Amino acid sequence: MRPRRKNRHENVCNRLSYVQRGDPPTAFARVLATRYGMQAAKLAVAAQWGQMAALRGNTRTSCSLTETTTGIKELDPEIYRTAEIIFG
């Protein structure tokens, strides 16, 4: 469902993955969504088009769309080792 247009700008609403999974939102998911929204609004006010809101570690930041779509992003091997210990 598209929101009604009240001005000359199009409003689009995106939902985080908890909706896709069917789980209720956690407090973490709500705070994360708010942080992404705050960063996206900051980018829009600064007219930084071609940038997207990002989280690096626990820091709100932005990165270029080109950066996000080029190359292969690899996980830290420690994450794999941790998953193997937990899930076998």
C-alpha atoms as a PDB file:
ATOM      1  CA  MET A   1       0.000   0.000   0.000  1.00  0.00           C
ATOM      2  CA  ARG A   2       1.393   3.393  -0.995  1.00  0.00           C
ATOM      3  CA  PRO A   3       0.879   6.337   1.339  1.00  0.00           C
ATOM      4  CA  ARG A   4      -1.168   9.214  -0.008  1.00  0.00           C
ATOM      5  CA  ARG A   5       0.859  12.025  -1.472  1.00  0.00           C
ATOM      6  CA  LYS A   6       0.442  15.250   0.529  1.00  0.00           C
ATOM      7  CA  ASN A   7       3.298  17.111  -1.080  1.00  0.00           C
ATOM      8  CA  ARG A   8       5.379  16.886  -4.223  1.00  0.00           C
ATOM      9  CA  HIS A   9       7.603  14.172  -2.722  1.00  0.00           C
ATOM     10  CA  GLU A  10       6.807  10.472  -2.825  1.00  0.00           C
ATOM     11  CA  ASN A  11       6.713   8.751   0.545  1.00  0.00           C
ATOM     12  CA  VAL A  12       7.817   5.125   0.677  1.00  0.00           C
ATOM     13  CA  CYS A  13       7.684   2.840   3.682  1.00  0.00           C
ATOM     14  CA  ASN A  14      10.086  -0.098   4.087  1.00  0.00           C
ATOM     15  CA  ARG A  15       9.825  -2.754   6.752  1.00  0.00           C
ATOM     16  CA  LEU A  16      12.606  -4.659   8.420  1.00  0.00           C
ATOM     17  CA  SER A  17      13.050  -8.400   8.147  1.00  0.00           C
ATOM     18  CA  TYR A  18      11.029  -9.246  11.271  1.00  0.00           C
ATOM     19  CA  VAL A  19       7.911  -8.649   9.191  1.00  0.00           C
ATOM     20  CA  GLN A  20       9.149 -11.093   6.545  1.00  0.00           C
ATOM     21  CA  ARG A  21       9.875 -13.711   9.216  1.00  0.00           C
ATOM     22  CA  GLY A  22       6.484 -13.183  10.817  1.00  0.00           C
ATOM     23  CA  ASP A  23       7.931 -12.476  14.249  1.00  0.00           C
ATOM     24  CA  PRO A  24       6.806  -9.533  16.337  1.00  0.00           C
ATOM     25  CA  PRO A  25       9.334  -6.683  16.393  1.00  0.00           C
ATOM     26  CA  THR A  26      11.851  -6.727  19.214  1.00  0.00           C
ATOM     27  CA  ALA A  27      13.015  -3.601  21.004  1.00  0.00           C
ATOM     28  CA  PHE A  28      16.331  -3.971  19.171  1.00  0.00           C
ATOM     29  CA  ALA A  29      14.572  -4.092  15.774  1.00  0.00           C
ATOM     30  CA  ARG A  30      12.572  -0.952  16.598  1.00  0.00           C
ATOM     31  CA  VAL A  31      15.646   0.981  17.709  1.00  0.00           C
ATOM     32  CA  LEU A  32      17.606  -0.229  14.669  1.00  0.00           C
ATOM     33  CA  ALA A  33      14.826   0.882  12.322  1.00  0.00           C
ATOM     34  CA  THR A  34      14.731   4.288  14.020  1.00  0.00           C
ATOM     35  CA  ARG A  35      18.499   4.676  13.696  1.00  0.00           C
ATOM     36  CA  TYR A  36      18.405   3.809   9.984  1.00  0.00           C
ATOM     37  CA  GLY A  37      15.536   6.244   9.478  1.00  0.00           C
ATOM     38  CA  MET A  38      17.393   9.032  11.268  1.00  0.00           C
ATOM     39  CA  GLN A  39      20.473   8.484   9.105  1.00  0.00           C
ATOM     40  CA  ALA A  40      18.393   8.346   5.906  1.00  0.00           C
ATOM     41  CA  ALA A  41      16.654  11.609   6.844  1.00  0.00           C
ATOM     42  CA  LYS A  42      20.023  13.227   7.550  1.00  0.00           C
ATOM     43  CA  LEU A  43      21.259  12.174   4.098  1.00  0.00           C
ATOM     44  CA  ALA A  44      18.110  13.519   2.417  1.00  0.00           C
ATOM     45  CA  VAL A  45      18.343  16.896   4.188  1.00  0.00           C
ATOM     46  CA  ALA A  46      21.981  17.160   3.102  1.00  0.00           C
ATOM     47  CA  ALA A  47      20.967  16.178  -0.471  1.00  0.00           C
ATOM     48  CA  GLN A  48      23.483  13.328  -0.410  1.00  0.00           C
ATOM     49  CA  TRP A  49      21.859  11.323  -3.193  1.00  0.00           C
ATOM     50  CA  GLY A  50      23.467   8.018  -4.146  1.00  0.00           C
ATOM     51  CA  GLN A  51      24.194   7.295  -0.481  1.00  0.00           C
ATOM     52  CA  MET A  52      22.478   4.828   1.824  1.00  0.00           C
ATOM     53  CA  ALA A  53      22.167   4.637   5.579  1.00  0.00           C
ATOM     54  CA  ALA A  54      24.515   2.048   7.057  1.00  0.00           C
ATOM     55  CA  LEU A  55      25.655   0.668  10.357  1.00  0.00           C
ATOM     56  CA  ARG A  56      29.335  -0.141  10.833  1.00  0.00           C
ATOM     57  CA  GLY A  57      29.850  -1.842  14.133  1.00  0.00           C
ATOM     58  CA  ASN A  58      27.529   0.187  16.311  1.00  0.00           C
ATOM     59  CA  THR A  59      28.093   3.480  14.498  1.00  0.00           C
ATOM     60  CA  ARG A  60      25.516   5.075  12.226  1.00  0.00           C
ATOM     61  CA  THR A  61      27.110   6.132   8.961  1.00  0.00           C
ATOM     62  CA  SER A  62      26.521   6.185   5.231  1.00  0.00           C
ATOM     63  CA  CYS A  63      28.131   4.619   2.199  1.00  0.00           C
ATOM     64  CA  SER A  64      27.793   5.029  -1.523  1.00  0.00           C
ATOM     65  CA  LEU A  65      25.447   2.750  -3.415  1.00  0.00           C
ATOM     66  CA  THR A  66      28.377   1.911  -5.689  1.00  0.00           C
ATOM     67  CA  GLU A  67      30.354   0.648  -2.693  1.00  0.00           C
ATOM     68  CA  THR A  68      27.494  -1.619  -1.675  1.00  0.00           C
ATOM     69  CA  THR A  69      27.070  -3.224  -5.085  1.00  0.00           C
ATOM     70  CA  THR A  70      30.664  -3.884  -6.139  1.00  0.00           C
ATOM     71  CA  GLY A  71      32.961  -6.657  -5.058  1.00  0.00           C
ATOM     72  CA  ILE A  72      32.446  -9.514  -2.667  1.00  0.00           C
ATOM     73  CA  LYS A  73      31.913  -8.776   1.007  1.00  0.00           C
ATOM     74  CA  GLU A  74      33.359 -11.507   3.194  1.00  0.00           C
ATOM     75  CA  LEU A  75      32.438 -12.278   6.775  1.00  0.00           C
ATOM     76  CA  ASP A  76      35.019 -12.352   9.504  1.00  0.00           C
ATOM     77  CA  PRO A  77      36.106 -16.018   9.859  1.00  0.00           C
ATOM     78  CA  GLU A  78      35.467 -15.749  13.600  1.00  0.00           C
ATOM     79  CA  ILE A  79      31.729 -15.500  12.874  1.00  0.00           C
ATOM     80  CA  TYR A  80      31.880 -18.833  11.031  1.00  0.00           C
ATOM     81  CA  ARG A  81      33.772 -20.453  13.918  1.00  0.00           C
ATOM     82  CA  THR A  82      31.250 -19.155  16.436  1.00  0.00           C
ATOM     83  CA  ALA A  83      28.324 -20.459  14.353  1.00  0.00           C
ATOM     84  CA  GLU A  84      30.006 -23.839  14.020  1.00  0.00           C
ATOM     85  CA  ILE A  85      30.439 -24.083  17.801  1.00  0.00           C
ATOM     86  CA  ILE A  86      26.806 -23.119  18.432  1.00  0.00           C
ATOM     87  CA  PHE A  87      25.073 -25.011  15.615  1.00  0.00           C
ATOM     88  CA  GLY A  88      27.532 -27.835  14.953  1.00  0.00           C
END
